Amino acid sequence: MLTAAAFAVGAVPAANAADTVSTSVTPGARTASVANLAMPAVSYSHSAQDQTGNMTLNADDSTGSGAGWNVTILSSAFAYSGTNGGTAIAAAGFSLTSAATPTATAGQAVDATNGPKVPTENPVGTLDTARKVVQANASFGQGTYAQELGVSLAIPAQSRAGTYTGTLTTTISAAP
């Protein structure tokens, strides 16, 4: 005896799942620095003299905040080291003589209006008070930038033979 079996194959609906993929972008740092600068030696003189040079400021905003930023530079007095009883050169003797437009080395391009740019208040002058040398408005300056700064050290008449060393404090802070 034969039995017929009927199989009913029902359509099984496809199962859909709401799967997600996520990641995070973590903030980096905001940094600024000026490399050590060795200005050429000058000869002893009975008259005051100026020694000029250039230094490069490097600024980086890798925070991902888009907050904008500004950089200031301040100098200490130039301490004397030697055996001739010399005295320090005051911080007011070291000054910025020029500030070039920054150039991008990585990240967001320079925008002439929003930065990074030389601030509207001219940074040229003595560094015995902090001077803002570059700024970026909100949503700009998200990258790495270099800026050439001209400097001059006023060496007083009859400064004793020896080495004079100053310290620069470079500060980068959020908001232009």
N, C-alpha and C. Protein backbone atom coordinates (compact mmCIF):
# COMPACT_ATOMS: atom_id res chain seq x y z
N MET A 1 0.80 -1.13 0.00
CA MET A 1 0.00 0.00 0.00
C MET A 1 0.87 1.24 0.00
N LEU A 2 0.45 2.04 -0.81
CA LEU A 2 1.18 3.29 -0.97
C LEU A 2 0.41 4.40 -0.29
N THR A 3 1.17 5.12 0.39
CA THR A 3 0.56 6.26 1.07
C THR A 3 1.15 7.53 0.47
N ALA A 4 0.31 8.35 0.17
CA ALA A 4 0.80 9.62 -0.37
C ALA A 4 0.93 10.60 0.77
N ALA A 5 2.04 11.15 0.81
CA ALA A 5 2.27 12.16 1.86
C ALA A 5 2.39 13.51 1.18
N ALA A 6 1.76 14.40 1.73
CA ALA A 6 1.81 15.76 1.17
C ALA A 6 2.63 16.63 2.12
N PHE A 7 3.51 17.22 1.54
CA PHE A 7 4.34 18.16 2.33
C PHE A 7 3.98 19.57 1.90
N ALA A 8 3.76 20.33 2.84
CA ALA A 8 3.49 21.74 2.53
C ALA A 8 4.74 22.53 2.89
N VAL A 9 5.23 23.16 1.93
CA VAL A 9 6.40 23.99 2.19
C VAL A 9 5.88 25.42 2.23
N GLY A 10 6.00 25.96 3.39
CA GLY A 10 5.55 27.34 3.55
C GLY A 10 6.72 28.29 3.34
N ALA A 11 6.46 29.42 2.84
CA ALA A 11 7.50 30.43 2.65
C ALA A 11 7.84 31.03 4.00
N VAL A 12 9.10 31.00 4.33
CA VAL A 12 9.56 31.57 5.59
C VAL A 12 10.04 32.99 5.28
N PRO A 13 9.49 33.98 5.95
CA PRO A 13 9.92 35.35 5.65
C PRO A 13 11.37 35.56 6.09
N ALA A 14 12.09 36.37 5.34
CA ALA A 14 13.48 36.68 5.67
C ALA A 14 13.51 37.49 6.96
N ALA A 15 14.49 37.21 7.78
CA ALA A 15 14.63 37.93 9.04
C ALA A 15 15.52 39.15 8.80
N ASN A 16 15.07 40.31 9.17
CA ASN A 16 15.86 41.53 9.05
C ASN A 16 16.30 41.95 10.45
N ALA A 17 17.54 42.35 10.53
CA ALA A 17 18.05 42.82 11.81
C ALA A 17 18.54 44.25 11.63
N ALA A 18 18.39 45.03 12.65
CA ALA A 18 18.88 46.41 12.62
C ALA A 18 20.25 46.41 13.27
N ASP A 19 21.28 46.15 12.49
CA ASP A 19 22.64 46.11 13.00
C ASP A 19 23.28 47.49 12.82
N THR A 20 24.15 47.84 13.72
CA THR A 20 24.83 49.13 13.62
C THR A 20 26.33 48.94 13.72
N VAL A 21 27.04 49.85 13.16
CA VAL A 21 28.49 49.92 13.26
C VAL A 21 28.82 51.33 13.72
N SER A 22 29.67 51.44 14.72
CA SER A 22 30.03 52.78 15.18
C SER A 22 31.51 52.86 15.49
N THR A 23 32.01 54.05 15.51
CA THR A 23 33.40 54.30 15.87
C THR A 23 33.45 55.67 16.52
N SER A 24 34.56 56.01 17.07
CA SER A 24 34.75 57.32 17.69
C SER A 24 36.00 57.96 17.12
N VAL A 25 35.97 59.28 17.06
CA VAL A 25 37.16 60.04 16.71
C VAL A 25 37.60 60.72 18.00
N THR A 26 38.78 60.37 18.45
CA THR A 26 39.26 60.94 19.71
C THR A 26 40.11 62.17 19.43
N PRO A 27 40.01 63.16 20.29
CA PRO A 27 40.76 64.39 20.04
C PRO A 27 42.26 64.19 20.22
N GLY A 28 43.02 64.91 19.42
CA GLY A 28 44.46 64.96 19.58
C GLY A 28 44.82 66.20 20.37
N ALA A 29 46.00 66.70 20.15
CA ALA A 29 46.48 67.85 20.92
C ALA A 29 46.52 69.11 20.06
N ARG A 30 46.59 70.21 20.75
CA ARG A 30 46.83 71.52 20.13
C ARG A 30 48.19 71.95 20.64
N THR A 31 49.18 72.16 19.73
CA THR A 31 50.54 72.48 20.15
C THR A 31 51.12 73.62 19.32
N ALA A 32 52.07 74.30 19.91
CA ALA A 32 52.82 75.33 19.19
C ALA A 32 54.22 75.39 19.77
N SER A 33 55.21 75.61 18.91
CA SER A 33 56.58 75.68 19.39
C SER A 33 57.45 76.44 18.39
N VAL A 34 58.55 76.92 18.91
CA VAL A 34 59.59 77.55 18.09
C VAL A 34 60.86 76.76 18.36
N ALA A 35 61.51 76.32 17.31
CA ALA A 35 62.77 75.58 17.48
C ALA A 35 63.82 76.50 18.08
N ASN A 36 64.79 75.91 18.78
CA ASN A 36 65.89 76.70 19.33
C ASN A 36 66.52 77.53 18.22
N LEU A 37 66.90 78.74 18.56
CA LEU A 37 67.47 79.66 17.59
C LEU A 37 68.83 80.12 18.10
N ALA A 38 69.85 79.88 17.31
CA ALA A 38 71.20 80.36 17.64
C ALA A 38 71.50 81.51 16.70
N MET A 39 71.51 82.71 17.24
CA MET A 39 71.82 83.89 16.43
C MET A 39 73.33 83.98 16.26
N PRO A 40 73.79 84.49 15.13
CA PRO A 40 75.24 84.62 14.92
C PRO A 40 75.89 85.52 15.98
N ALA A 41 77.12 85.24 16.28
CA ALA A 41 77.87 86.03 17.26
C ALA A 41 78.13 87.43 16.72
N VAL A 42 78.27 88.37 17.62
CA VAL A 42 78.66 89.73 17.25
C VAL A 42 79.96 90.06 17.99
N SER A 43 80.70 90.99 17.44
CA SER A 43 81.95 91.41 18.09
C SER A 43 81.64 92.44 19.17
N TYR A 44 82.48 92.47 20.17
CA TYR A 44 82.36 93.47 21.23
C TYR A 44 82.34 94.85 20.57
N SER A 45 81.51 95.75 21.13
CA SER A 45 81.43 97.09 20.57
C SER A 45 81.17 98.11 21.68
N HIS A 46 81.72 99.31 21.50
CA HIS A 46 81.45 100.41 22.43
C HIS A 46 80.09 101.03 22.13
N SER A 47 79.47 100.62 21.03
CA SER A 47 78.16 101.14 20.63
C SER A 47 77.12 100.02 20.69
N ALA A 48 75.86 100.41 20.87
CA ALA A 48 74.77 99.43 20.83
C ALA A 48 74.69 98.86 19.42
N GLN A 49 74.27 97.62 19.33
CA GLN A 49 74.13 96.98 18.02
C GLN A 49 72.94 96.04 18.04
N ASP A 50 72.39 95.79 16.88
CA ASP A 50 71.26 94.87 16.73
C ASP A 50 71.71 93.64 15.98
N GLN A 51 71.25 92.49 16.45
CA GLN A 51 71.50 91.23 15.75
C GLN A 51 70.14 90.70 15.30
N THR A 52 70.00 90.42 14.00
CA THR A 52 68.72 89.99 13.47
C THR A 52 68.77 88.52 13.06
N GLY A 53 67.60 87.95 12.92
CA GLY A 53 67.49 86.56 12.49
C GLY A 53 66.04 86.21 12.19
N ASN A 54 65.82 84.95 11.92
CA ASN A 54 64.48 84.43 11.65
C ASN A 54 64.27 83.16 12.46
N MET A 55 63.04 82.99 12.90
CA MET A 55 62.68 81.74 13.57
C MET A 55 61.37 81.26 12.98
N THR A 56 61.14 79.96 13.08
CA THR A 56 59.93 79.36 12.54
C THR A 56 59.04 78.88 13.66
N LEU A 57 57.81 79.37 13.65
CA LEU A 57 56.78 78.91 14.59
C LEU A 57 56.04 77.77 13.92
N ASN A 58 55.85 76.67 14.63
CA ASN A 58 55.04 75.55 14.16
C ASN A 58 53.82 75.43 15.07
N ALA A 59 52.64 75.43 14.45
CA ALA A 59 51.39 75.31 15.21
C ALA A 59 50.59 74.15 14.64
N ASP A 60 49.96 73.38 15.53
CA ASP A 60 49.18 72.23 15.11
C ASP A 60 47.89 72.17 15.93
N ASP A 61 46.76 72.04 15.24
CA ASP A 61 45.49 71.79 15.92
C ASP A 61 44.96 70.46 15.43
N SER A 62 45.16 69.43 16.24
CA SER A 62 44.66 68.09 15.93
C SER A 62 43.57 67.70 16.92
N THR A 63 42.89 68.70 17.50
CA THR A 63 41.85 68.41 18.49
C THR A 63 40.55 67.95 17.85
N GLY A 64 40.32 68.34 16.58
CA GLY A 64 39.06 68.00 15.93
C GLY A 64 37.90 68.80 16.48
N SER A 65 38.18 69.88 17.21
CA SER A 65 37.10 70.66 17.84
C SER A 65 36.56 71.75 16.93
N GLY A 66 37.39 72.27 16.03
CA GLY A 66 36.97 73.37 15.18
C GLY A 66 36.75 74.66 15.95
N ALA A 67 37.35 74.76 17.15
CA ALA A 67 37.12 75.92 18.02
C ALA A 67 37.88 77.16 17.58
N GLY A 68 38.90 76.99 16.72
CA GLY A 68 39.78 78.10 16.40
C GLY A 68 40.83 78.23 17.50
N TRP A 69 41.85 79.04 17.27
CA TRP A 69 42.94 79.14 18.24
C TRP A 69 43.79 80.37 17.96
N ASN A 70 44.69 80.69 18.90
CA ASN A 70 45.67 81.74 18.69
C ASN A 70 46.96 81.35 19.40
N VAL A 71 48.07 81.92 18.90
CA VAL A 71 49.39 81.63 19.46
C VAL A 71 50.02 82.94 19.91
N THR A 72 50.58 82.93 21.14
CA THR A 72 51.33 84.08 21.64
C THR A 72 52.76 83.64 21.94
N ILE A 73 53.67 84.62 21.87
CA ILE A 73 55.07 84.37 22.20
C ILE A 73 55.53 85.45 23.18
N LEU A 74 56.30 85.02 24.17
CA LEU A 74 56.83 85.90 25.22
C LEU A 74 58.29 85.51 25.46
N SER A 75 59.15 86.50 25.68
CA SER A 75 60.56 86.22 25.94
C SER A 75 60.93 86.57 27.37
N SER A 76 61.88 85.83 27.90
CA SER A 76 62.49 86.18 29.18
C SER A 76 63.65 87.13 28.89
N ALA A 77 64.27 87.63 29.94
CA ALA A 77 65.52 88.37 29.77
C ALA A 77 66.58 87.39 29.27
N PHE A 78 67.64 87.90 28.66
CA PHE A 78 68.73 87.07 28.18
C PHE A 78 69.81 87.02 29.26
N ALA A 79 69.87 85.90 29.94
CA ALA A 79 70.83 85.74 31.05
C ALA A 79 72.25 85.65 30.51
N TYR A 80 73.17 86.24 31.24
CA TYR A 80 74.58 86.23 30.87
C TYR A 80 75.27 85.03 31.49
N SER A 81 76.11 84.37 30.70
CA SER A 81 76.99 83.35 31.27
C SER A 81 78.38 83.61 30.69
N GLY A 82 79.32 83.72 31.58
CA GLY A 82 80.69 84.02 31.20
C GLY A 82 81.48 84.36 32.46
N THR A 83 82.69 84.79 32.27
CA THR A 83 83.56 85.05 33.42
C THR A 83 83.89 86.52 33.59
N ASN A 84 83.21 87.39 32.86
CA ASN A 84 83.58 88.79 32.85
C ASN A 84 82.60 89.71 33.58
N GLY A 85 81.71 89.15 34.39
CA GLY A 85 80.78 89.99 35.14
C GLY A 85 79.75 90.71 34.31
N GLY A 86 79.32 90.12 33.22
CA GLY A 86 78.31 90.74 32.36
C GLY A 86 76.93 90.73 33.01
N THR A 87 76.04 91.52 32.45
CA THR A 87 74.67 91.58 32.96
C THR A 87 73.69 91.13 31.88
N ALA A 88 72.52 90.72 32.31
CA ALA A 88 71.49 90.23 31.39
C ALA A 88 71.05 91.33 30.43
N ILE A 89 70.54 90.90 29.29
CA ILE A 89 69.89 91.82 28.36
C ILE A 89 68.40 91.70 28.63
N ALA A 90 67.74 92.82 28.87
CA ALA A 90 66.31 92.82 29.21
C ALA A 90 65.47 92.17 28.12
N ALA A 91 64.37 91.56 28.53
CA ALA A 91 63.46 90.93 27.57
C ALA A 91 62.98 91.93 26.53
N ALA A 92 62.85 93.21 26.89
CA ALA A 92 62.42 94.24 25.95
C ALA A 92 63.43 94.44 24.83
N GLY A 93 64.63 93.89 24.97
CA GLY A 93 65.64 93.99 23.92
C GLY A 93 65.42 93.00 22.79
N PHE A 94 64.53 92.03 22.99
CA PHE A 94 64.25 91.04 21.95
C PHE A 94 62.89 91.37 21.36
N SER A 95 62.82 91.47 20.04
CA SER A 95 61.55 91.87 19.43
C SER A 95 61.28 91.13 18.13
N LEU A 96 60.00 91.10 17.80
CA LEU A 96 59.57 90.59 16.49
C LEU A 96 59.63 91.75 15.51
N THR A 97 60.22 91.51 14.36
CA THR A 97 60.30 92.54 13.33
C THR A 97 59.37 92.27 12.16
N SER A 98 58.91 91.02 12.03
CA SER A 98 57.97 90.67 10.97
C SER A 98 57.28 89.36 11.30
N ALA A 99 56.09 89.18 10.73
CA ALA A 99 55.33 87.94 10.87
C ALA A 99 54.75 87.61 9.50
N ALA A 100 55.20 86.52 8.92
CA ALA A 100 54.74 86.13 7.58
C ALA A 100 53.40 85.41 7.67
N THR A 101 52.71 85.38 6.55
CA THR A 101 51.47 84.61 6.45
C THR A 101 51.81 83.14 6.66
N PRO A 102 51.07 82.43 7.52
CA PRO A 102 51.36 81.01 7.75
C PRO A 102 51.14 80.17 6.49
N THR A 103 51.83 79.06 6.42
CA THR A 103 51.64 78.09 5.34
C THR A 103 51.20 76.77 5.94
N ALA A 104 50.33 76.08 5.23
CA ALA A 104 49.84 74.77 5.69
C ALA A 104 50.86 73.71 5.32
N THR A 105 51.16 72.82 6.27
CA THR A 105 52.03 71.68 5.98
C THR A 105 51.24 70.38 6.02
N ALA A 106 50.04 70.40 6.63
CA ALA A 106 49.14 69.24 6.67
C ALA A 106 47.76 69.72 7.09
N GLY A 107 46.73 69.03 6.63
CA GLY A 107 45.38 69.36 7.08
C GLY A 107 44.72 70.45 6.25
N GLN A 108 43.88 71.22 6.92
CA GLN A 108 43.06 72.24 6.29
C GLN A 108 43.91 73.36 5.67
N ALA A 109 43.55 73.79 4.49
CA ALA A 109 44.27 74.86 3.81
C ALA A 109 44.12 76.19 4.55
N VAL A 110 45.05 77.09 4.32
CA VAL A 110 44.98 78.43 4.89
C VAL A 110 43.89 79.20 4.15
N ASP A 111 43.05 79.90 4.89
CA ASP A 111 42.00 80.75 4.33
C ASP A 111 42.39 82.19 4.64
N ALA A 112 42.52 83.03 3.63
CA ALA A 112 43.01 84.40 3.83
C ALA A 112 42.16 85.20 4.80
N THR A 113 40.87 84.93 4.86
CA THR A 113 39.98 85.69 5.74
C THR A 113 39.92 85.11 7.14
N ASN A 114 39.87 83.78 7.25
CA ASN A 114 39.63 83.14 8.54
C ASN A 114 40.83 82.46 9.17
N GLY A 115 41.90 82.29 8.40
CA GLY A 115 43.12 81.79 8.97
C GLY A 115 43.43 80.34 8.66
N PRO A 116 44.55 79.99 9.27
CA PRO A 116 45.42 80.75 10.14
C PRO A 116 45.96 81.99 9.43
N LYS A 117 46.07 83.06 10.19
CA LYS A 117 46.48 84.34 9.62
C LYS A 117 47.19 85.18 10.67
N VAL A 118 47.90 86.19 10.20
CA VAL A 118 48.50 87.16 11.10
C VAL A 118 47.35 87.98 11.67
N PRO A 119 47.30 88.18 12.98
CA PRO A 119 46.18 88.93 13.57
C PRO A 119 46.13 90.37 13.08
N THR A 120 44.94 90.97 13.16
CA THR A 120 44.79 92.36 12.72
C THR A 120 45.60 93.32 13.58
N GLU A 121 45.75 93.02 14.88
CA GLU A 121 46.64 93.84 15.71
C GLU A 121 48.05 93.35 15.45
N ASN A 122 48.87 94.22 14.89
CA ASN A 122 50.21 93.89 14.42
C ASN A 122 51.06 93.27 15.54
N PRO A 123 51.63 92.08 15.29
CA PRO A 123 52.44 91.43 16.33
C PRO A 123 53.86 91.98 16.48
N VAL A 124 54.27 92.88 15.58
CA VAL A 124 55.63 93.40 15.62
C VAL A 124 55.82 94.25 16.88
N GLY A 125 56.94 94.01 17.58
CA GLY A 125 57.27 94.78 18.78
C GLY A 125 58.05 93.93 19.77
N THR A 126 58.34 94.52 20.92
CA THR A 126 59.16 93.83 21.92
C THR A 126 58.40 92.64 22.52
N LEU A 127 59.18 91.65 22.94
CA LEU A 127 58.58 90.42 23.47
C LEU A 127 58.64 90.36 25.00
N ASP A 128 58.72 91.50 25.65
CA ASP A 128 58.66 91.50 27.11
C ASP A 128 57.22 91.35 27.59
N THR A 129 56.25 91.45 26.67
CA THR A 129 54.86 91.10 26.92
C THR A 129 54.45 90.14 25.80
N ALA A 130 53.52 89.25 26.11
CA ALA A 130 53.11 88.25 25.12
C ALA A 130 52.48 88.93 23.91
N ARG A 131 52.88 88.48 22.74
CA ARG A 131 52.35 89.02 21.48
C ARG A 131 51.68 87.90 20.70
N LYS A 132 50.44 88.17 20.26
CA LYS A 132 49.72 87.21 19.42
C LYS A 132 50.30 87.30 18.02
N VAL A 133 50.81 86.15 17.51
CA VAL A 133 51.48 86.14 16.21
C VAL A 133 50.68 85.46 15.11
N VAL A 134 49.74 84.59 15.47
CA VAL A 134 48.92 83.90 14.48
C VAL A 134 47.61 83.49 15.14
N GLN A 135 46.54 83.46 14.34
CA GLN A 135 45.24 83.03 14.85
C GLN A 135 44.44 82.35 13.77
N ALA A 136 43.48 81.53 14.20
CA ALA A 136 42.55 80.87 13.28
C ALA A 136 41.15 81.01 13.87
N ASN A 137 40.21 81.46 13.05
CA ASN A 137 38.83 81.59 13.50
C ASN A 137 38.19 80.21 13.65
N ALA A 138 37.04 80.16 14.32
CA ALA A 138 36.31 78.91 14.49
C ALA A 138 36.08 78.24 13.14
N SER A 139 36.22 76.94 13.09
CA SER A 139 36.07 76.10 11.90
C SER A 139 37.26 76.19 10.94
N PHE A 140 38.32 76.88 11.34
CA PHE A 140 39.51 76.99 10.50
C PHE A 140 40.74 76.62 11.32
N GLY A 141 41.86 76.38 10.64
CA GLY A 141 43.10 76.07 11.33
C GLY A 141 43.19 74.65 11.85
N GLN A 142 42.46 73.73 11.23
CA GLN A 142 42.50 72.34 11.66
C GLN A 142 43.57 71.61 10.86
N GLY A 143 44.82 71.80 11.30
CA GLY A 143 45.94 71.21 10.60
C GLY A 143 47.25 71.62 11.25
N THR A 144 48.32 71.52 10.47
CA THR A 144 49.66 71.89 10.92
C THR A 144 50.16 73.03 10.04
N TYR A 145 50.75 74.04 10.68
CA TYR A 145 51.13 75.26 9.96
C TYR A 145 52.51 75.72 10.41
N ALA A 146 53.20 76.42 9.50
CA ALA A 146 54.50 77.01 9.80
C ALA A 146 54.40 78.51 9.51
N GLN A 147 55.06 79.30 10.35
CA GLN A 147 55.07 80.75 10.18
C GLN A 147 56.48 81.27 10.44
N GLU A 148 57.02 82.03 9.49
CA GLU A 148 58.33 82.63 9.65
C GLU A 148 58.19 83.95 10.41
N LEU A 149 59.03 84.13 11.42
CA LEU A 149 59.02 85.34 12.24
C LEU A 149 60.40 85.97 12.22
N GLY A 150 60.47 87.24 11.85
CA GLY A 150 61.73 87.97 11.92
C GLY A 150 61.94 88.47 13.33
N VAL A 151 63.18 88.40 13.82
CA VAL A 151 63.49 88.83 15.19
C VAL A 151 64.73 89.70 15.21
N SER A 152 64.84 90.48 16.27
CA SER A 152 66.01 91.33 16.46
C SER A 152 66.34 91.39 17.95
N LEU A 153 67.61 91.29 18.27
CA LEU A 153 68.08 91.42 19.65
C LEU A 153 68.93 92.68 19.73
N ALA A 154 68.50 93.61 20.59
CA ALA A 154 69.25 94.86 20.80
C ALA A 154 70.31 94.59 21.86
N ILE A 155 71.56 94.63 21.44
CA ILE A 155 72.68 94.34 22.34
C ILE A 155 73.23 95.68 22.82
N PRO A 156 73.17 95.91 24.14
CA PRO A 156 73.62 97.20 24.66
C PRO A 156 75.11 97.44 24.40
N ALA A 157 75.48 98.71 24.33
CA ALA A 157 76.89 99.08 24.19
C ALA A 157 77.69 98.47 25.33
N GLN A 158 78.88 98.05 25.05
CA GLN A 158 79.83 97.52 26.02
C GLN A 158 79.32 96.28 26.76
N SER A 159 78.46 95.47 26.08
CA SER A 159 78.04 94.19 26.66
C SER A 159 79.27 93.30 26.76
N ARG A 160 79.46 92.68 27.89
CA ARG A 160 80.64 91.85 28.14
C ARG A 160 80.64 90.61 27.25
N ALA A 161 81.84 90.16 26.92
CA ALA A 161 81.99 88.94 26.13
C ALA A 161 81.43 87.77 26.94
N GLY A 162 80.69 86.91 26.28
CA GLY A 162 80.07 85.75 26.92
C GLY A 162 78.85 85.33 26.11
N THR A 163 78.05 84.47 26.70
CA THR A 163 76.85 83.96 26.03
C THR A 163 75.63 84.53 26.74
N TYR A 164 74.65 84.94 25.95
CA TYR A 164 73.39 85.49 26.46
C TYR A 164 72.28 84.58 25.98
N THR A 165 71.49 84.05 26.91
CA THR A 165 70.46 83.08 26.56
C THR A 165 69.12 83.49 27.14
N GLY A 166 68.12 83.53 26.27
CA GLY A 166 66.75 83.84 26.67
C GLY A 166 65.86 82.63 26.46
N THR A 167 64.70 82.64 27.07
CA THR A 167 63.73 81.57 26.94
C THR A 167 62.46 82.13 26.33
N LEU A 168 61.95 81.47 25.31
CA LEU A 168 60.68 81.86 24.71
C LEU A 168 59.57 80.98 25.25
N THR A 169 58.46 81.60 25.61
CA THR A 169 57.27 80.86 26.02
C THR A 169 56.24 81.01 24.90
N THR A 170 55.93 79.89 24.27
CA THR A 170 54.97 79.86 23.17
C THR A 170 53.71 79.19 23.69
N THR A 171 52.57 79.90 23.55
CA THR A 171 51.31 79.40 24.09
C THR A 171 50.26 79.36 22.98
N ILE A 172 49.57 78.22 22.85
CA ILE A 172 48.45 78.12 21.92
C ILE A 172 47.20 77.88 22.76
N SER A 173 46.16 78.64 22.49
CA SER A 173 44.92 78.47 23.25
C SER A 173 43.72 78.49 22.30
N ALA A 174 42.65 77.83 22.74
CA ALA A 174 41.43 77.75 21.95
C ALA A 174 40.79 79.10 21.83
N ALA A 175 40.09 79.32 20.74
CA ALA A 175 39.36 80.55 20.40
C ALA A 175 40.31 81.62 19.91
N PRO A 176 39.92 82.29 18.85
CA PRO A 176 40.80 83.29 18.25
C PRO A 176 40.98 84.55 19.07
